[in-house]
C-alpha atoms as a PDB file:
ATOM      1  CA  MET A   1      39.379  31.417   1.311  1.00  0.00           C
ATOM      2  CA  SER A   2      37.352  32.614   4.281  1.00  0.00           C
ATOM      3  CA  ASP A   3      40.481  32.429   6.471  1.00  0.00           C
ATOM      4  CA  GLU A   4      42.384  34.813   4.216  1.00  0.00           C
ATOM      5  CA  ASP A   5      42.231  38.556   3.696  1.00  0.00           C
ATOM      6  CA  PRO A   6      39.844  39.220   0.780  1.00  0.00           C
ATOM      7  CA  SER A   7      42.318  41.739  -0.599  1.00  0.00           C
ATOM      8  CA  ASP A   8      44.897  38.981  -1.012  1.00  0.00           C
ATOM      9  CA  SER A   9      42.907  36.272  -2.795  1.00  0.00           C
ATOM     10  CA  GLY A  10      39.683  35.579  -4.651  1.00  0.00           C
ATOM     11  CA  TRP A  11      37.585  32.515  -5.336  1.00  0.00           C
ATOM     12  CA  PHE A  12      38.971  32.448  -8.864  1.00  0.00           C
ATOM     13  CA  GLU A  13      42.676  32.541  -8.048  1.00  0.00           C
ATOM     14  CA  GLY A  14      44.567  29.437  -9.040  1.00  0.00           C
ATOM     15  CA  THR A  15      41.686  28.451 -11.332  1.00  0.00           C
ATOM     16  CA  ASP A  16      41.946  27.996 -15.091  1.00  0.00           C
ATOM     17  CA  ARG A  17      39.182  30.118 -16.595  1.00  0.00           C
ATOM     18  CA  GLU A  18      38.975  27.742 -19.561  1.00  0.00           C
ATOM     19  CA  ASP A  19      38.177  24.818 -17.246  1.00  0.00           C
ATOM     20  CA  ALA A  20      34.422  25.207 -16.676  1.00  0.00           C
ATOM     21  CA  GLU A  21      34.308  22.402 -14.106  1.00  0.00           C
ATOM     22  CA  ALA A  22      37.157  23.915 -12.089  1.00  0.00           C
ATOM     23  CA  VAL A  23      35.489  27.332 -12.106  1.00  0.00           C
ATOM     24  CA  ALA A  24      32.182  25.768 -11.006  1.00  0.00           C
ATOM     25  CA  THR A  25      33.963  23.851  -8.236  1.00  0.00           C
ATOM     26  CA  ALA A  26      35.535  27.079  -6.987  1.00  0.00           C
ATOM     27  CA  ILE A  27      32.117  28.762  -6.904  1.00  0.00           C
ATOM     28  CA  ARG A  28      30.556  25.787  -5.135  1.00  0.00           C
ATOM     29  CA  GLY A  29      33.192  25.376  -2.453  1.00  0.00           C
ATOM     30  CA  GLU A  30      34.410  28.873  -1.603  1.00  0.00           C
ATOM     31  CA  SER A  31      33.008  31.639   0.591  1.00  0.00           C
ATOM     32  CA  ALA A  32      33.998  35.046   1.921  1.00  0.00           C
ATOM     33  CA  ASP A  33      33.486  36.653   5.308  1.00  0.00           C
ATOM     34  CA  ALA A  34      33.001  40.110   3.818  1.00  0.00           C
ATOM     35  CA  PRO A  35      32.142  41.685   0.450  1.00  0.00           C
ATOM     36  CA  PHE A  36      34.998  42.790  -1.774  1.00  0.00           C
ATOM     37  CA  ASP A  37      35.560  44.317  -5.184  1.00  0.00           C
ATOM     38  CA  TRP A  38      36.006  40.931  -6.840  1.00  0.00           C
ATOM     39  CA  PRO A  39      35.747  42.166 -10.465  1.00  0.00           C
ATOM     40  CA  THR A  40      38.698  44.500  -9.949  1.00  0.00           C
ATOM     41  CA  ARG A  41      40.684  41.772  -8.221  1.00  0.00           C
ATOM     42  CA  ALA A  42      39.899  39.343 -11.058  1.00  0.00           C
ATOM     43  CA  VAL A  43      41.207  41.810 -13.636  1.00  0.00           C
ATOM     44  CA  GLU A  44      44.327  42.530 -11.578  1.00  0.00           C
ATOM     45  CA  THR A  45      45.173  38.827 -11.290  1.00  0.00           C
ATOM     46  CA  GLY A  46      44.538  38.206 -14.985  1.00  0.00           C
ATOM     47  CA  PHE A  47      41.541  35.923 -14.435  1.00  0.00           C
ATOM     48  CA  ALA A  48      39.249  38.277 -16.377  1.00  0.00           C
ATOM     49  CA  ASP A  49      39.900  40.794 -19.131  1.00  0.00           C
ATOM     50  CA  ASP A  50      37.531  43.371 -17.673  1.00  0.00           C
ATOM     51  CA  GLU A  51      34.498  43.679 -15.402  1.00  0.00           C
ATOM     52  CA  ASN A  52      32.056  42.457 -18.058  1.00  0.00           C
ATOM     53  CA  ASP A  53      34.238  39.432 -18.721  1.00  0.00           C
ATOM     54  CA  TYR A  54      34.309  38.646 -14.988  1.00  0.00           C
ATOM     55  CA  TYR A  55      30.531  38.751 -14.688  1.00  0.00           C
ATOM     56  CA  SER A  56      30.170  36.625 -17.810  1.00  0.00           C
ATOM     57  CA  LEU A  57      32.447  33.964 -16.296  1.00  0.00           C
ATOM     58  CA  LEU A  58      30.650  34.229 -12.965  1.00  0.00           C
ATOM     59  CA  HIS A  59      27.254  33.834 -14.642  1.00  0.00           C
ATOM     60  CA  GLY A  60      28.369  30.741 -16.534  1.00  0.00           C
ATOM     61  CA  ALA A  61      29.811  29.144 -13.397  1.00  0.00           C
ATOM     62  CA  THR A  62      26.785  29.860 -11.203  1.00  0.00           C
ATOM     63  CA  MET A  63      24.413  28.545 -13.872  1.00  0.00           C
ATOM     64  CA  ARG A  64      26.426  25.323 -14.072  1.00  0.00           C
ATOM     65  CA  VAL A  65      26.398  24.904 -10.291  1.00  0.00           C
ATOM     66  CA  THR A  66      22.655  25.584 -10.167  1.00  0.00           C
ATOM     67  CA  ARG A  67      21.911  23.027 -12.887  1.00  0.00           C
ATOM     68  CA  GLU A  68      23.979  20.420 -11.050  1.00  0.00           C
ATOM     69  CA  ALA A  69      22.184  21.152  -7.773  1.00  0.00           C
ATOM     70  CA  ILE A  70      18.777  20.847  -9.446  1.00  0.00           C
ATOM     71  CA  ARG A  71      19.798  17.619 -11.179  1.00  0.00           C
ATOM     72  CA  GLU A  72      21.012  16.159  -7.884  1.00  0.00           C
ATOM     73  CA  ARG A  73      17.814  17.181  -6.118  1.00  0.00           C
ATOM     74  CA  GLU A  74      15.570  15.760  -8.837  1.00  0.00           C
ATOM     75  CA  GLN A  75      17.391  12.426  -8.632  1.00  0.00           C
ATOM     76  CA  SER A  76      16.874  12.147  -4.869  1.00  0.00           C
ATOM     77  CA  ASP A  77      14.767   9.311  -3.474  1.00  0.00           C
ATOM     78  CA  ASP A  78      11.919  11.522  -2.270  1.00  0.00           C
ATOM     79  CA  GLN A  79      11.594  13.184  -5.686  1.00  0.00           C
ATOM     80  CA  GLN A  80      11.464   9.769  -7.354  1.00  0.00           C
ATOM     81  CA  LEU A  81       8.778   8.740  -4.870  1.00  0.00           C
ATOM     82  CA  LYS A  82       6.851  11.909  -5.692  1.00  0.00           C
ATOM     83  CA  ARG A  83       6.895  11.091  -9.395  1.00  0.00           C
ATOM     84  CA  THR A  84       5.867   7.495  -8.790  1.00  0.00           C
ATOM     85  CA  ILE A  85       2.782   8.382  -6.742  1.00  0.00           C
ATOM     86  CA  ARG A  86       1.770  11.049  -9.250  1.00  0.00           C
ATOM     87  CA  ALA A  87       2.126   8.584 -12.117  1.00  0.00           C
ATOM     88  CA  MET A  88       0.076   6.041 -10.153  1.00  0.00           C
ATOM     89  CA  ASP A  89      -2.705   8.559  -9.555  1.00  0.00           C
ATOM     90  CA  ASP A  90      -2.674   9.614 -13.217  1.00  0.00           C
ATOM     91  CA  CYS A  91      -2.910   6.020 -14.429  1.00  0.00           C
ATOM     92  CA  GLN A  92      -5.799   5.289 -12.075  1.00  0.00           C
ATOM     93  CA  ARG A  93      -7.623   8.507 -12.949  1.00  0.00           C
ATOM     94  CA  VAL A  94      -7.359   7.939 -16.700  1.00  0.00           C
ATOM     95  CA  ALA A  95      -8.323   4.274 -16.310  1.00  0.00           C
ATOM     96  CA  ASN A  96     -11.468   5.269 -14.400  1.00  0.00           C
ATOM     97  CA  GLU A  97     -12.409   7.934 -16.942  1.00  0.00           C
ATOM     98  CA  LEU A  98     -11.919   5.608 -19.898  1.00  0.00           C
ATOM     99  CA  ALA A  99     -13.813   2.840 -18.091  1.00  0.00           C
ATOM    100  CA  GLU A 100     -16.816   5.179 -17.993  1.00  0.00           C
ATOM    101  CA  ARG A 101     -16.534   5.671 -21.757  1.00  0.00           C
ATOM    102  CA  VAL A 102     -16.288   1.925 -22.285  1.00  0.00           C
ATOM    103  CA  SER A 103     -19.376   1.399 -20.144  1.00  0.00           C
ATOM    104  CA  GLU A 104     -21.372   4.027 -22.053  1.00  0.00           C
ATOM    105  CA  TRP A 105     -20.285   2.522 -25.357  1.00  0.00           C
ATOM    106  CA  ALA A 106     -21.056  -1.020 -24.250  1.00  0.00           C
ATOM    107  CA  LYS A 107     -24.527  -0.044 -22.995  1.00  0.00           C
ATOM    108  CA  SER A 108     -25.351   1.284 -26.453  1.00  0.00           C
ATOM    109  CA  LYS A 109     -24.616  -2.168 -27.883  1.00  0.00           C
ATOM    110  CA  ARG A 110     -25.754  -4.658 -25.231  1.00  0.00           C
ATOM    111  CA  GLU A 111     -28.257  -4.828 -22.397  1.00  0.00           C
ATOM    112  CA  ASP A 112     -26.019  -6.697 -19.963  1.00  0.00           C
ATOM    113  CA  ALA A 113     -23.250  -4.074 -19.962  1.00  0.00           C
ATOM    114  CA  GLY A 114     -21.774  -3.261 -16.579  1.00  0.00           C
ATOM    115  CA  ALA A 115     -19.742  -0.353 -15.271  1.00  0.00           C
ATOM    116  CA  GLY A 116     -16.364   0.439 -13.791  1.00  0.00           C
ATOM    117  CA  VAL A 117     -12.854  -0.850 -14.296  1.00  0.00           C
ATOM    118  CA  GLU A 118     -13.718  -4.412 -13.271  1.00  0.00           C
ATOM    119  CA  TYR A 119     -16.373  -4.722 -15.974  1.00  0.00           C
ATOM    120  CA  THR A 120     -13.983  -3.174 -18.495  1.00  0.00           C
ATOM    121  CA  ARG A 121     -11.350  -5.776 -17.602  1.00  0.00           C
ATOM    122  CA  GLN A 122     -13.887  -8.536 -18.237  1.00  0.00           C
ATOM    123  CA  LEU A 123     -14.812  -6.982 -21.560  1.00  0.00           C
ATOM    124  CA  ALA A 124     -11.151  -6.880 -22.595  1.00  0.00           C
ATOM    125  CA  ASP A 125     -11.055 -10.691 -22.446  1.00  0.00           C
ATOM    126  CA  GLU A 126     -14.142 -11.223 -24.623  1.00  0.00           C
ATOM    127  CA  ASP A 127     -13.692 -12.431 -28.179  1.00  0.00           C
ATOM    128  CA  ASP A 128     -17.169 -11.751 -29.562  1.00  0.00           C
ATOM    129  CA  ALA A 129     -17.443  -8.045 -28.627  1.00  0.00           C
ATOM    130  CA  ASP A 130     -16.874  -5.096 -30.941  1.00  0.00           C
ATOM    131  CA  GLU A 131     -13.184  -4.972 -31.893  1.00  0.00           C
ATOM    132  CA  SER A 132     -12.774  -1.243 -31.241  1.00  0.00           C
ATOM    133  CA  LEU A 133     -14.577  -1.508 -27.917  1.00  0.00           C
ATOM    134  CA  VAL A 134     -12.395  -4.408 -26.816  1.00  0.00           C
ATOM    135  CA  SER A 135      -9.287  -2.507 -27.910  1.00  0.00           C
ATOM    136  CA  LEU A 136     -10.231   0.437 -25.701  1.00  0.00           C
ATOM    137  CA  ALA A 137     -11.049  -1.932 -22.841  1.00  0.00           C
ATOM    138  CA  CYS A 138      -7.576  -3.439 -23.202  1.00  0.00           C
ATOM    139  CA  ARG A 139      -6.045   0.018 -22.841  1.00  0.00           C
ATOM    140  CA  VAL A 140      -7.997   0.501 -19.626  1.00  0.00           C
ATOM    141  CA  ARG A 141      -6.833  -2.871 -18.338  1.00  0.00           C
ATOM    142  CA  ASP A 142      -3.212  -1.993 -19.112  1.00  0.00           C
ATOM    143  CA  LEU A 143      -3.505   1.339 -17.292  1.00  0.00           C
ATOM    144  CA  ASP A 144      -5.108  -0.353 -14.302  1.00  0.00           C
ATOM    145  CA  ASP A 145      -2.298  -2.926 -14.239  1.00  0.00           C
ATOM    146  CA  GLU A 146       0.297  -0.156 -14.459  1.00  0.00           C
ATOM    147  CA  ALA A 147      -1.337   1.687 -11.564  1.00  0.00           C
ATOM    148  CA  ALA A 148      -1.201  -1.508  -9.497  1.00  0.00           C
ATOM    149  CA  ASP A 149       2.489  -1.993 -10.332  1.00  0.00           C
ATOM    150  CA  LEU A 150       3.250   1.596  -9.356  1.00  0.00           C
ATOM    151  CA  ARG A 151       1.347   1.165  -6.087  1.00  0.00           C
ATOM    152  CA  ARG A 152       3.475  -1.862  -5.234  1.00  0.00           C
ATOM    153  CA  HIS A 153       6.580   0.180  -6.009  1.00  0.00           C
ATOM    154  CA  VAL A 154       5.366   2.956  -3.695  1.00  0.00           C
ATOM    155  CA  GLU A 155       4.655   0.449  -0.933  1.00  0.00           C
ATOM    156  CA  ARG A 156       8.219  -0.876  -1.238  1.00  0.00           C
ATOM    157  CA  THR A 157      10.078   2.415  -1.480  1.00  0.00           C
ATOM    158  CA  ALA A 158       8.128   4.796   0.777  1.00  0.00           C
ATOM    159  CA  PRO A 159       9.267   3.043   4.001  1.00  0.00           C
ATOM    160  CA  GLU A 160      12.868   3.423   2.821  1.00  0.00           C
ATOM    161  CA  VAL A 161      12.489   7.132   2.053  1.00  0.00           C
ATOM    162  CA  ALA A 162      10.323   8.077   5.042  1.00  0.00           C
ATOM    163  CA  PRO A 163      10.149   5.200   7.558  1.00  0.00           C
ATOM    164  CA  ASN A 164       8.329   7.033  10.351  1.00  0.00           C
ATOM    165  CA  LEU A 165       5.905   8.827   8.067  1.00  0.00           C
ATOM    166  CA  SER A 166       5.113   5.562   6.273  1.00  0.00           C
ATOM    167  CA  ALA A 167       4.574   3.741   9.562  1.00  0.00           C
ATOM    168  CA  LEU A 168       2.085   6.354  10.781  1.00  0.00           C
ATOM    169  CA  ALA A 169       0.290   7.166   7.540  1.00  0.00           C
ATOM    170  CA  GLY A 170       0.834   4.058   5.452  1.00  0.00           C
ATOM    171  CA  PRO A 171       3.163   4.054   2.420  1.00  0.00           C
ATOM    172  CA  VAL A 172       0.663   5.401  -0.125  1.00  0.00           C
ATOM    173  CA  LEU A 173      -0.620   8.273   2.007  1.00  0.00           C
ATOM    174  CA  ALA A 174       2.942   9.090   3.072  1.00  0.00           C
ATOM    175  CA  ALA A 175       4.028   9.264  -0.570  1.00  0.00           C
ATOM    176  CA  ARG A 176       1.025  11.432  -1.414  1.00  0.00           C
ATOM    177  CA  LEU A 177       1.900  13.884   1.369  1.00  0.00           C
ATOM    178  CA  VAL A 178       5.503  14.056   0.144  1.00  0.00           C
ATOM    179  CA  ALA A 179       4.263  14.713  -3.389  1.00  0.00           C
ATOM    180  CA  LEU A 180       1.800  17.415  -2.336  1.00  0.00           C
ATOM    181  CA  ALA A 181       4.476  19.186  -0.306  1.00  0.00           C
ATOM    182  CA  GLY A 182       7.026  18.944  -3.133  1.00  0.00           C
ATOM    183  CA  GLY A 183       9.472  16.697  -1.308  1.00  0.00           C
ATOM    184  CA  LEU A 184      10.347  15.325   2.111  1.00  0.00           C
ATOM    185  CA  GLU A 185      12.347  18.395   3.120  1.00  0.00           C
ATOM    186  CA  ALA A 186       9.500  20.706   2.127  1.00  0.00           C
ATOM    187  CA  LEU A 187       7.054  18.557   4.096  1.00  0.00           C
ATOM    188  CA  ALA A 188       9.326  18.576   7.153  1.00  0.00           C
ATOM    189  CA  ARG A 189       9.398  22.371   7.109  1.00  0.00           C
ATOM    190  CA  LYS A 190       5.632  22.797   7.026  1.00  0.00           C
ATOM    191  CA  PRO A 191       3.647  23.464  10.203  1.00  0.00           C
ATOM    192  CA  ALA A 192       1.148  20.854  11.319  1.00  0.00           C
ATOM    193  CA  GLY A 193      -1.778  23.081  10.359  1.00  0.00           C
ATOM    194  CA  THR A 194      -0.619  23.128   6.746  1.00  0.00           C
ATOM    195  CA  VAL A 195      -0.016  19.369   6.668  1.00  0.00           C
ATOM    196  CA  GLN A 196      -3.554  18.888   7.994  1.00  0.00           C
ATOM    197  CA  VAL A 197      -5.133  20.495   4.910  1.00  0.00           C
ATOM    198  CA  LEU A 198      -2.694  19.353   2.201  1.00  0.00           C
ATOM    199  CA  GLY A 199      -4.802  18.310  -0.757  1.00  0.00           C
ATOM    200  CA  ALA A 200      -7.705  20.571   0.221  1.00  0.00           C
ATOM    201  CA  GLU A 201      -6.320  23.722  -1.366  1.00  0.00           C
ATOM    202  CA  GLU A 202      -9.480  24.502  -3.351  1.00  0.00           C
ATOM    203  CA  ALA A 203     -11.635  24.284  -0.222  1.00  0.00           C
ATOM    204  CA  LEU A 204      -9.098  26.374   1.701  1.00  0.00           C
ATOM    205  CA  PHE A 205      -9.049  29.118  -0.932  1.00  0.00           C
ATOM    206  CA  ALA A 206     -12.855  29.082  -1.066  1.00  0.00           C
ATOM    207  CA  HIS A 207     -12.844  29.564   2.705  1.00  0.00           C
ATOM    208  CA  LEU A 208     -10.375  32.445   2.444  1.00  0.00           C
ATOM    209  CA  ARG A 209     -12.679  34.097  -0.094  1.00  0.00           C
ATOM    210  CA  GLY A 210     -15.542  33.725   2.365  1.00  0.00           C
ATOM    211  CA  HIS A 211     -17.480  31.190   0.291  1.00  0.00           C
ATOM    212  CA  ALA A 212     -17.020  28.054   2.401  1.00  0.00           C
ATOM    213  CA  PRO A 213     -16.205  26.886   5.927  1.00  0.00           C
ATOM    214  CA  SER A 214     -12.602  26.121   6.832  1.00  0.00           C
ATOM    215  CA  PRO A 215     -11.611  22.580   5.751  1.00  0.00           C
ATOM    216  CA  LYS A 216     -10.824  20.214   8.619  1.00  0.00           C
ATOM    217  CA  HIS A 217      -8.571  17.924   6.612  1.00  0.00           C
ATOM    218  CA  GLY A 218      -7.085  17.211   3.210  1.00  0.00           C
ATOM    219  CA  VAL A 219      -5.796  13.857   1.995  1.00  0.00           C
ATOM    220  CA  ILE A 220      -5.235  12.686   5.570  1.00  0.00           C
ATOM    221  CA  TYR A 221      -9.000  12.091   5.617  1.00  0.00           C
ATOM    222  CA  ALA A 222      -8.152   8.705   4.074  1.00  0.00           C
ATOM    223  CA  HIS A 223      -6.371   7.691   7.294  1.00  0.00           C
ATOM    224  CA  GLU A 224      -8.277   5.323   9.564  1.00  0.00           C
ATOM    225  CA  ALA A 225      -7.639   7.623  12.529  1.00  0.00           C
ATOM    226  CA  VAL A 226      -9.847  10.248  10.875  1.00  0.00           C
ATOM    227  CA  GLN A 227     -12.374   8.007   9.146  1.00  0.00           C
ATOM    228  CA  GLY A 228     -12.809   5.887  12.265  1.00  0.00           C
ATOM    229  CA  THR A 229     -13.683   8.929  14.371  1.00  0.00           C
ATOM    230  CA  HIS A 230     -17.202  10.324  14.762  1.00  0.00           C
ATOM    231  CA  PRO A 231     -17.731  13.307  12.411  1.00  0.00           C
ATOM    232  CA  GLU A 232     -18.128  15.596  15.412  1.00  0.00           C
ATOM    233  CA  HIS A 233     -14.552  14.883  16.507  1.00  0.00           C
ATOM    234  CA  ARG A 234     -12.836  14.380  13.157  1.00  0.00           C
ATOM    235  CA  GLY A 235     -11.333  17.848  13.300  1.00  0.00           C
ATOM    236  CA  SER A 236      -9.558  16.949  16.535  1.00  0.00           C
ATOM    237  CA  ALA A 237      -8.425  13.623  15.104  1.00  0.00           C
ATOM    238  CA  ALA A 238      -7.101  15.342  11.983  1.00  0.00           C
ATOM    239  CA  ARG A 239      -5.151  17.862  14.085  1.00  0.00           C
ATOM    240  CA  ALA A 240      -3.647  15.125  16.236  1.00  0.00           C
ATOM    241  CA  LEU A 241      -2.730  13.057  13.196  1.00  0.00           C
ATOM    242  CA  ALA A 242      -1.230  16.026  11.339  1.00  0.00           C
ATOM    243  CA  GLY A 243       0.875  16.902  14.376  1.00  0.00           C
ATOM    244  CA  LYS A 244       2.411  13.440  14.575  1.00  0.00           C
ATOM    245  CA  LEU A 245       2.878  13.206  10.807  1.00  0.00           C
ATOM    246  CA  THR A 246       4.756  16.499  10.874  1.00  0.00           C
ATOM    247  CA  ILE A 247       7.069  15.227  13.605  1.00  0.00           C
ATOM    248  CA  ALA A 248       7.568  11.968  11.694  1.00  0.00           C
ATOM    249  CA  ALA A 249       8.492  13.846   8.502  1.00  0.00           C
ATOM    250  CA  ARG A 250      11.034  15.945  10.401  1.00  0.00           C
ATOM    251  CA  VAL A 251      12.627  12.897  12.001  1.00  0.00           C
ATOM    252  CA  ASP A 252      12.795  11.167   8.613  1.00  0.00           C
ATOM    253  CA  HIS A 253      14.389  14.157   6.917  1.00  0.00           C
ATOM    254  CA  TYR A 254      16.858  15.211   9.582  1.00  0.00           C
ATOM    255  CA  SER A 255      17.903  11.850  11.042  1.00  0.00           C
ATOM    256  CA  GLY A 256      16.131   8.981   9.285  1.00  0.00           C
ATOM    257  CA  GLU A 257      16.012   7.074  12.578  1.00  0.00           C
ATOM    258  CA  ARG A 258      12.936   4.954  13.186  1.00  0.00           C
ATOM    259  CA  LYS A 259      10.952   6.138  16.229  1.00  0.00           C
ATOM    260  CA  PRO A 260       8.344   3.481  17.183  1.00  0.00           C
ATOM    261  CA  GLU A 261       7.194   5.627  20.097  1.00  0.00           C
ATOM    262  CA  LEU A 262       5.493   7.948  17.604  1.00  0.00           C
ATOM    263  CA  ASP A 263       3.123   5.114  16.662  1.00  0.00           C
ATOM    264  CA  ALA A 264       2.160   4.524  20.285  1.00  0.00           C
ATOM    265  CA  GLN A 265       1.721   8.233  20.989  1.00  0.00           C
ATOM    266  CA  LEU A 266      -0.585   8.673  18.003  1.00  0.00           C
ATOM    267  CA  ALA A 267      -2.641   5.592  18.878  1.00  0.00           C
ATOM    268  CA  GLU A 268      -3.069   6.802  22.462  1.00  0.00           C
ATOM    269  CA  ARG A 269      -4.121  10.278  21.347  1.00  0.00           C
ATOM    270  CA  ILE A 270      -6.637   8.976  18.792  1.00  0.00           C
ATOM    271  CA  ASP A 271      -8.094   6.541  21.339  1.00  0.00           C
ATOM    272  CA  ARG A 272      -8.758   9.420  23.737  1.00  0.00           C
ATOM    273  CA  ILE A 273     -10.444  11.449  21.002  1.00  0.00           C
ATOM    274  CA  GLN A 274     -12.624   8.545  19.879  1.00  0.00           C
ATOM    275  CA  GLU A 275     -13.699   7.907  23.478  1.00  0.00           C
ATOM    276  CA  ARG A 276     -15.196  11.380  23.781  1.00  0.00           C
ATOM    277  CA  GLU A 277     -18.933  11.626  24.192  1.00  0.00           C
ATOM    278  CA  VAL A 278     -20.997  12.645  21.196  1.00  0.00           C
ATOM    279  CA  GLU A 279     -23.595  15.337  21.760  1.00  0.00           C
END
């Protein structure tokens, strides 16, 4: 339609108004080079009874197109990865919290009670312990097993969704960055400074309110490039890492081509930072 005079045709012409899919397809695929009095044109061509009818049809079509776009986006690989890592974190968090309750309960009944998920897993296999306590321990074991299964799924799928990001950050950290950003495209659009502090939003807001120093890193603190650097230089390591992760995310989103040179560049940069003298 963009090659035609707007006064001669509209997006709706040749479309059956009763066919919702056809109307949505016309909305999705057409465009105009200049604005035009489309309601009047729609009435003149018989597509709409009046202006209100035109806008009602337009609203229905645009809502349908929007729902389809959202559905397609939510089914994308990076969104599925985001949900997997969030589910994994939730399972692990709840398992840890319930393991504390199991430990407290067990200590009220026996002197040799331990702590943590590992002790809870042992308790789940005991036959002579309190039935309710063992039942709760079994729930913790199941959640811990589910978290492990989800982690394995993340480790398999993250390199397929974001090969360069996964190579630099590791599959789990890569998935966590994608989840925090809201998707691979959203991550690719963020500046390196924002990627550096993803996951440290509370500390960042506290800093902006004047109640805390500026955070040097967010979840990327878990990366060996940051943890393996002396605390005095971790800020520099975090900046270098965030810069390369940002580039990796952009390559993954816009081309998907594996770039091994990014690995070497990051390793070289981190080596130089870690070789700095400590005052």
